Full PDB file with SEQRES, HELIX, SHEET, SSBOND, CRYST1, ORIGX, SCALE, CONECT and MASTER records, all heavy atoms in Angstrom:
SEQRES   1 A   30  VAL SER SER LEU PRO ALA ILE ASN GLY LEU GLY ALA ASP          
SEQRES   2 A   30  ARG ILE GLN VAL ALA ILE ASN SER MET LEU ILE SER PRO          
SEQRES   3 A   30  ALA CYS PRO ASN                                              
HELIX    1 AA1 ALA A   12  ARG A   14  5                                   3    
SHEET    1 AA1 2 ALA A   6  ILE A   7  0                                        
SHEET    2 AA1 2 LEU A  10  GLY A  11 -1                                        
SHEET    1 AA2 2 ALA A  18  ILE A  19  0                                        
SHEET    2 AA2 2 MET A  22  LEU A  23 -1                                        
CRYST1    1.000    1.000    1.000  90.00  90.00  90.00 P 1           1          
ORIGX1      1.000000  0.000000  0.000000        0.00000                         
ORIGX2      0.000000  1.000000  0.000000        0.00000                         
ORIGX3      0.000000  0.000000  1.000000        0.00000                         
SCALE1      1.000000  0.000000  0.000000        0.00000                         
SCALE2      0.000000  1.000000  0.000000        0.00000                         
SCALE3      0.000000  0.000000  1.000000        0.00000                         
ATOM      1  N   VAL A   1       5.067  -6.615 -10.702  1.00  0.00           N  
ATOM      2  CA  VAL A   1       4.431  -7.203  -9.540  1.00  0.00           C  
ATOM      3  C   VAL A   1       4.320  -6.225  -8.404  1.00  0.00           C  
ATOM      4  O   VAL A   1       4.089  -6.590  -7.290  1.00  0.00           O  
ATOM      5  CB  VAL A   1       5.251  -8.418  -9.023  1.00  0.00           C  
ATOM      6  CG1 VAL A   1       5.284  -9.498 -10.063  1.00  0.00           C  
ATOM      7  CG2 VAL A   1       6.669  -8.032  -8.655  1.00  0.00           C  
ATOM      8  N   SER A   2       4.340  -4.889  -8.653  1.00  0.00           N  
ATOM      9  CA  SER A   2       4.456  -3.921  -7.617  1.00  0.00           C  
ATOM     10  C   SER A   2       3.509  -2.748  -7.825  1.00  0.00           C  
ATOM     11  O   SER A   2       3.823  -1.596  -7.416  1.00  0.00           O  
ATOM     12  CB  SER A   2       5.845  -3.393  -7.488  1.00  0.00           C  
ATOM     13  OG  SER A   2       6.732  -4.432  -7.071  1.00  0.00           O  
ATOM     14  N   SER A   3       2.367  -2.931  -8.459  1.00  0.00           N  
ATOM     15  CA  SER A   3       1.354  -1.836  -8.576  1.00  0.00           C  
ATOM     16  C   SER A   3       0.938  -1.335  -7.211  1.00  0.00           C  
ATOM     17  O   SER A   3       0.942  -2.196  -6.233  1.00  0.00           O  
ATOM     18  CB  SER A   3       0.183  -2.290  -9.427  1.00  0.00           C  
ATOM     19  OG  SER A   3       0.575  -2.564 -10.750  1.00  0.00           O  
ATOM     20  N   LEU A   4       0.386  -0.141  -7.159  1.00  0.00           N  
ATOM     21  CA  LEU A   4      -0.113   0.383  -5.901  1.00  0.00           C  
ATOM     22  C   LEU A   4      -1.663   0.431  -5.955  1.00  0.00           C  
ATOM     23  O   LEU A   4      -2.190   0.991  -6.915  1.00  0.00           O  
ATOM     24  CB  LEU A   4       0.424   1.803  -5.672  1.00  0.00           C  
ATOM     25  CG  LEU A   4       1.950   1.920  -5.643  1.00  0.00           C  
ATOM     26  CD1 LEU A   4       2.401   3.398  -5.540  1.00  0.00           C  
ATOM     27  CD2 LEU A   4       2.507   1.186  -4.438  1.00  0.00           C  
ATOM     28  N   PRO A   5      -2.352  -0.110  -4.945  1.00  0.00           N  
ATOM     29  CA  PRO A   5      -3.819  -0.110  -5.010  1.00  0.00           C  
ATOM     30  C   PRO A   5      -4.420   1.179  -4.781  1.00  0.00           C  
ATOM     31  O   PRO A   5      -3.884   2.042  -4.056  1.00  0.00           O  
ATOM     32  CB  PRO A   5      -4.117  -1.181  -3.917  1.00  0.00           C  
ATOM     33  CG  PRO A   5      -2.997  -1.046  -2.934  1.00  0.00           C  
ATOM     34  CD  PRO A   5      -1.790  -0.704  -3.734  1.00  0.00           C  
ATOM     35  N   ALA A   6      -5.626   1.402  -5.359  1.00  0.00           N  
ATOM     36  CA  ALA A   6      -6.384   2.623  -5.153  1.00  0.00           C  
ATOM     37  C   ALA A   6      -7.844   2.201  -4.959  1.00  0.00           C  
ATOM     38  O   ALA A   6      -8.336   1.266  -5.660  1.00  0.00           O  
ATOM     39  CB  ALA A   6      -6.236   3.612  -6.293  1.00  0.00           C  
ATOM     40  N   ILE A   7      -8.564   2.904  -4.088  1.00  0.00           N  
ATOM     41  CA  ILE A   7      -9.948   2.653  -3.837  1.00  0.00           C  
ATOM     42  C   ILE A   7     -10.746   3.946  -3.758  1.00  0.00           C  
ATOM     43  O   ILE A   7     -10.308   4.896  -2.983  1.00  0.00           O  
ATOM     44  CB  ILE A   7     -10.212   1.843  -2.559  1.00  0.00           C  
ATOM     45  CG1 ILE A   7      -9.562   0.481  -2.614  1.00  0.00           C  
ATOM     46  CG2 ILE A   7     -11.669   1.689  -2.253  1.00  0.00           C  
ATOM     47  CD1 ILE A   7      -9.635  -0.373  -1.363  1.00  0.00           C  
ATOM     48  N   ASN A   8     -11.737   4.085  -4.599  1.00  0.00           N  
ATOM     49  CA  ASN A   8     -12.513   5.331  -4.577  1.00  0.00           C  
ATOM     50  C   ASN A   8     -11.720   6.566  -4.722  1.00  0.00           C  
ATOM     51  O   ASN A   8     -11.928   7.568  -4.019  1.00  0.00           O  
ATOM     52  CB  ASN A   8     -13.344   5.360  -3.339  1.00  0.00           C  
ATOM     53  CG  ASN A   8     -14.481   4.322  -3.286  1.00  0.00           C  
ATOM     54  OD1 ASN A   8     -14.797   3.721  -4.307  1.00  0.00           O  
ATOM     55  ND2 ASN A   8     -15.049   4.070  -2.186  1.00  0.00           N  
ATOM     56  N   GLY A   9     -10.701   6.567  -5.576  1.00  0.00           N  
ATOM     57  CA  GLY A   9      -9.912   7.731  -5.902  1.00  0.00           C  
ATOM     58  C   GLY A   9      -8.760   7.956  -4.996  1.00  0.00           C  
ATOM     59  O   GLY A   9      -8.002   8.959  -5.203  1.00  0.00           O  
ATOM     60  N   LEU A  10      -8.542   7.170  -3.950  1.00  0.00           N  
ATOM     61  CA  LEU A  10      -7.448   7.382  -2.992  1.00  0.00           C  
ATOM     62  C   LEU A  10      -6.518   6.138  -3.063  1.00  0.00           C  
ATOM     63  O   LEU A  10      -7.007   5.014  -2.981  1.00  0.00           O  
ATOM     64  CB  LEU A  10      -7.999   7.506  -1.555  1.00  0.00           C  
ATOM     65  CG  LEU A  10      -8.897   8.685  -1.353  1.00  0.00           C  
ATOM     66  CD1 LEU A  10      -9.543   8.609   0.044  1.00  0.00           C  
ATOM     67  CD2 LEU A  10      -8.161  10.041  -1.536  1.00  0.00           C  
ATOM     68  N   GLY A  11      -5.233   6.406  -3.269  1.00  0.00           N  
ATOM     69  CA  GLY A  11      -4.325   5.259  -3.500  1.00  0.00           C  
ATOM     70  C   GLY A  11      -3.007   5.436  -2.735  1.00  0.00           C  
ATOM     71  O   GLY A  11      -2.793   6.303  -1.912  1.00  0.00           O  
ATOM     72  N   ALA A  12      -2.102   4.468  -3.024  1.00  0.00           N  
ATOM     73  CA  ALA A  12      -0.761   4.378  -2.378  1.00  0.00           C  
ATOM     74  C   ALA A  12      -0.902   4.298  -0.958  1.00  0.00           C  
ATOM     75  O   ALA A  12      -1.617   3.449  -0.397  1.00  0.00           O  
ATOM     76  CB  ALA A  12       0.083   5.556  -2.903  1.00  0.00           C  
ATOM     77  N   ASP A  13      -0.278   5.212  -0.143  1.00  0.00           N  
ATOM     78  CA  ASP A  13      -0.225   5.086   1.276  1.00  0.00           C  
ATOM     79  C   ASP A  13      -1.598   5.361   1.999  1.00  0.00           C  
ATOM     80  O   ASP A  13      -1.717   5.104   3.143  1.00  0.00           O  
ATOM     81  CB  ASP A  13       0.847   6.053   1.877  1.00  0.00           C  
ATOM     82  CG  ASP A  13       2.220   5.530   1.731  1.00  0.00           C  
ATOM     83  OD1 ASP A  13       2.394   4.512   1.069  1.00  0.00           O  
ATOM     84  OD2 ASP A  13       3.150   6.190   2.207  1.00  0.00           O  
ATOM     85  N   ARG A  14      -2.513   5.934   1.205  1.00  0.00           N  
ATOM     86  CA  ARG A  14      -3.831   6.148   1.776  1.00  0.00           C  
ATOM     87  C   ARG A  14      -4.623   4.849   1.886  1.00  0.00           C  
ATOM     88  O   ARG A  14      -5.725   4.835   2.454  1.00  0.00           O  
ATOM     89  CB  ARG A  14      -4.621   7.170   0.971  1.00  0.00           C  
ATOM     90  CG  ARG A  14      -3.924   8.532   0.906  1.00  0.00           C  
ATOM     91  CD  ARG A  14      -4.684   9.566   0.188  1.00  0.00           C  
ATOM     92  NE  ARG A  14      -4.036  10.840   0.239  1.00  0.00           N  
ATOM     93  CZ  ARG A  14      -3.265  11.341  -0.682  1.00  0.00           C  
ATOM     94  NH1 ARG A  14      -3.062  10.663  -1.794  1.00  0.00           N  
ATOM     95  NH2 ARG A  14      -2.662  12.518  -0.584  1.00  0.00           N  
ATOM     96  N   ILE A  15      -4.082   3.797   1.266  1.00  0.00           N  
ATOM     97  CA  ILE A  15      -4.656   2.477   1.430  1.00  0.00           C  
ATOM     98  C   ILE A  15      -3.762   1.633   2.311  1.00  0.00           C  
ATOM     99  O   ILE A  15      -2.576   1.462   1.969  1.00  0.00           O  
ATOM    100  CB  ILE A  15      -4.827   1.731   0.025  1.00  0.00           C  
ATOM    101  CG1 ILE A  15      -5.672   2.577  -0.920  1.00  0.00           C  
ATOM    102  CG2 ILE A  15      -5.451   0.370   0.216  1.00  0.00           C  
ATOM    103  CD1 ILE A  15      -7.067   2.881  -0.469  1.00  0.00           C  
ATOM    104  N   GLN A  16      -4.246   1.228   3.410  1.00  0.00           N  
ATOM    105  CA  GLN A  16      -3.425   0.360   4.294  1.00  0.00           C  
ATOM    106  C   GLN A  16      -3.607  -1.145   3.953  1.00  0.00           C  
ATOM    107  O   GLN A  16      -4.738  -1.573   3.782  1.00  0.00           O  
ATOM    108  CB  GLN A  16      -3.840   0.595   5.771  1.00  0.00           C  
ATOM    109  CG  GLN A  16      -2.918  -0.137   6.808  1.00  0.00           C  
ATOM    110  CD  GLN A  16      -3.388   0.125   8.223  1.00  0.00           C  
ATOM    111  OE1 GLN A  16      -4.122  -0.625   8.757  1.00  0.00           O  
ATOM    112  NE2 GLN A  16      -2.855   1.217   8.801  1.00  0.00           N  
ATOM    113  N   VAL A  17      -2.527  -1.825   3.840  1.00  0.00           N  
ATOM    114  CA  VAL A  17      -2.519  -3.225   3.466  1.00  0.00           C  
ATOM    115  C   VAL A  17      -1.958  -4.046   4.578  1.00  0.00           C  
ATOM    116  O   VAL A  17      -0.838  -3.771   5.079  1.00  0.00           O  
ATOM    117  CB  VAL A  17      -1.697  -3.530   2.176  1.00  0.00           C  
ATOM    118  CG1 VAL A  17      -1.681  -4.970   1.866  1.00  0.00           C  
ATOM    119  CG2 VAL A  17      -2.305  -2.747   1.030  1.00  0.00           C  
ATOM    120  N   ALA A  18      -2.657  -5.071   5.016  1.00  0.00           N  
ATOM    121  CA  ALA A  18      -2.213  -6.017   6.074  1.00  0.00           C  
ATOM    122  C   ALA A  18      -2.090  -7.394   5.470  1.00  0.00           C  
ATOM    123  O   ALA A  18      -3.071  -7.878   4.872  1.00  0.00           O  
ATOM    124  CB  ALA A  18      -3.132  -6.029   7.294  1.00  0.00           C  
ATOM    125  N   ILE A  19      -0.958  -7.999   5.558  1.00  0.00           N  
ATOM    126  CA  ILE A  19      -0.755  -9.384   5.149  1.00  0.00           C  
ATOM    127  C   ILE A  19      -0.769 -10.273   6.366  1.00  0.00           C  
ATOM    128  O   ILE A  19       0.132 -10.308   7.080  1.00  0.00           O  
ATOM    129  CB  ILE A  19       0.548  -9.548   4.353  1.00  0.00           C  
ATOM    130  CG1 ILE A  19       0.739  -8.495   3.309  1.00  0.00           C  
ATOM    131  CG2 ILE A  19       0.603 -10.945   3.768  1.00  0.00           C  
ATOM    132  CD1 ILE A  19      -0.275  -8.589   2.151  1.00  0.00           C  
ATOM    133  N   ASN A  20      -1.924 -10.916   6.567  1.00  0.00           N  
ATOM    134  CA  ASN A  20      -2.059 -11.730   7.836  1.00  0.00           C  
ATOM    135  C   ASN A  20      -1.694 -10.854   9.026  1.00  0.00           C  
ATOM    136  O   ASN A  20      -0.882 -11.306   9.880  1.00  0.00           O  
ATOM    137  CB  ASN A  20      -1.189 -12.950   7.756  1.00  0.00           C  
ATOM    138  CG  ASN A  20      -1.654 -13.941   6.746  1.00  0.00           C  
ATOM    139  OD1 ASN A  20      -2.846 -14.087   6.454  1.00  0.00           O  
ATOM    140  ND2 ASN A  20      -0.729 -14.620   6.081  1.00  0.00           N  
ATOM    141  N   SER A  21      -2.275  -9.654   9.095  1.00  0.00           N  
ATOM    142  CA  SER A  21      -2.119  -8.731  10.198  1.00  0.00           C  
ATOM    143  C   SER A  21      -0.735  -8.017  10.236  1.00  0.00           C  
ATOM    144  O   SER A  21      -0.495  -7.193  11.094  1.00  0.00           O  
ATOM    145  CB  SER A  21      -2.336  -9.370  11.584  1.00  0.00           C  
ATOM    146  OG  SER A  21      -3.618  -9.962  11.661  1.00  0.00           O  
ATOM    147  N   MET A  22       0.130  -8.313   9.284  1.00  0.00           N  
ATOM    148  CA  MET A  22       1.468  -7.706   9.275  1.00  0.00           C  
ATOM    149  C   MET A  22       1.414  -6.390   8.367  1.00  0.00           C  
ATOM    150  O   MET A  22       0.929  -6.475   7.229  1.00  0.00           O  
ATOM    151  CB  MET A  22       2.501  -8.703   8.723  1.00  0.00           C  
ATOM    152  CG  MET A  22       3.882  -8.155   8.707  1.00  0.00           C  
ATOM    153  SD  MET A  22       5.103  -9.485   8.336  1.00  0.00           S  
ATOM    154  CE  MET A  22       4.636  -9.955   6.743  1.00  0.00           C  
ATOM    155  N   LEU A  23       1.992  -5.320   8.839  1.00  0.00           N  
ATOM    156  CA  LEU A  23       2.019  -4.080   8.091  1.00  0.00           C  
ATOM    157  C   LEU A  23       3.469  -3.861   7.615  1.00  0.00           C  
ATOM    158  O   LEU A  23       4.384  -4.098   8.367  1.00  0.00           O  
ATOM    159  CB  LEU A  23       1.576  -2.922   8.979  1.00  0.00           C  
ATOM    160  CG  LEU A  23       0.184  -2.974   9.556  1.00  0.00           C  
ATOM    161  CD1 LEU A  23      -0.139  -1.767  10.416  1.00  0.00           C  
ATOM    162  CD2 LEU A  23      -0.888  -3.093   8.464  1.00  0.00           C  
ATOM    163  N   ILE A  24       3.580  -3.399   6.414  1.00  0.00           N  
ATOM    164  CA  ILE A  24       4.892  -3.196   5.782  1.00  0.00           C  
ATOM    165  C   ILE A  24       4.923  -1.768   5.218  1.00  0.00           C  
ATOM    166  O   ILE A  24       4.097  -1.400   4.365  1.00  0.00           O  
ATOM    167  CB  ILE A  24       5.160  -4.199   4.641  1.00  0.00           C  
ATOM    168  CG1 ILE A  24       5.046  -5.644   5.188  1.00  0.00           C  
ATOM    169  CG2 ILE A  24       6.487  -3.963   4.046  1.00  0.00           C  
ATOM    170  CD1 ILE A  24       5.106  -6.685   4.165  1.00  0.00           C  
ATOM    171  N   SER A  25       5.815  -0.980   5.680  1.00  0.00           N  
ATOM    172  CA  SER A  25       5.965   0.438   5.237  1.00  0.00           C  
ATOM    173  C   SER A  25       6.874   0.527   3.973  1.00  0.00           C  
ATOM    174  O   SER A  25       7.632  -0.393   3.683  1.00  0.00           O  
ATOM    175  CB  SER A  25       6.534   1.335   6.325  1.00  0.00           C  
ATOM    176  OG  SER A  25       5.661   1.526   7.358  1.00  0.00           O  
ATOM    177  N   PRO A  26       6.757   1.612   3.203  1.00  0.00           N  
ATOM    178  CA  PRO A  26       7.621   1.727   2.046  1.00  0.00           C  
ATOM    179  C   PRO A  26       9.102   1.712   2.416  1.00  0.00           C  
ATOM    180  O   PRO A  26       9.481   2.396   3.399  1.00  0.00           O  
ATOM    181  CB  PRO A  26       7.219   3.102   1.468  1.00  0.00           C  
ATOM    182  CG  PRO A  26       5.858   3.372   2.048  1.00  0.00           C  
ATOM    183  CD  PRO A  26       5.799   2.704   3.385  1.00  0.00           C  
ATOM    184  N   ALA A  27       9.903   0.941   1.752  1.00  0.00           N  
ATOM    185  CA  ALA A  27      11.314   0.845   1.949  1.00  0.00           C  
ATOM    186  C   ALA A  27      12.056   1.262   0.697  1.00  0.00           C  
ATOM    187  O   ALA A  27      13.088   0.671   0.335  1.00  0.00           O  
ATOM    188  CB  ALA A  27      11.709  -0.537   2.416  1.00  0.00           C  
ATOM    189  N   CYS A  28      11.507   2.320   0.017  1.00  0.00           N  
ATOM    190  CA  CYS A  28      12.069   2.747  -1.262  1.00  0.00           C  
ATOM    191  C   CYS A  28      11.513   4.120  -1.520  1.00  0.00           C  
ATOM    192  O   CYS A  28      10.271   4.313  -1.315  1.00  0.00           O  
ATOM    193  CB  CYS A  28      11.751   1.759  -2.390  1.00  0.00           C  
ATOM    194  SG  CYS A  28      12.108   2.349  -4.030  1.00  0.00           S  
ATOM    195  N   PRO A  29      12.273   5.046  -1.980  1.00  0.00           N  
ATOM    196  CA  PRO A  29      11.734   6.417  -2.316  1.00  0.00           C  
ATOM    197  C   PRO A  29      10.739   6.353  -3.447  1.00  0.00           C  
ATOM    198  O   PRO A  29       9.968   7.338  -3.609  1.00  0.00           O  
ATOM    199  CB  PRO A  29      12.940   7.275  -2.652  1.00  0.00           C  
ATOM    200  CG  PRO A  29      14.029   6.248  -3.026  1.00  0.00           C  
ATOM    201  CD  PRO A  29      13.704   5.077  -2.162  1.00  0.00           C  
ATOM    202  N   ASN A  30      10.701   5.292  -4.248  1.00  0.00           N  
ATOM    203  CA  ASN A  30       9.702   5.152  -5.319  1.00  0.00           C  
ATOM    204  C   ASN A  30       8.629   4.097  -4.900  1.00  0.00           C  
ATOM    205  O   ASN A  30       7.795   3.747  -5.777  1.00  0.00           O  
ATOM    206  CB  ASN A  30      10.359   4.710  -6.581  1.00  0.00           C  
ATOM    207  CG  ASN A  30      11.370   5.726  -7.119  1.00  0.00           C  
ATOM    208  OD1 ASN A  30      12.304   5.355  -7.888  1.00  0.00           O  
ATOM    209  ND2 ASN A  30      11.172   6.989  -6.778  1.00  0.00           N  
TER     210      ASN A  30                                                      
MASTER        0    0    0    1    4    0    0    6  209    1    0    3          
END                                                                             
């Protein structure tokens, strides 16, 4: 349940995800 999204060849932190305007940063080295 934890895949990382990619769009047009750019993925992981290069894609910003907002859940109802809420931003969540990585809380794990993986």
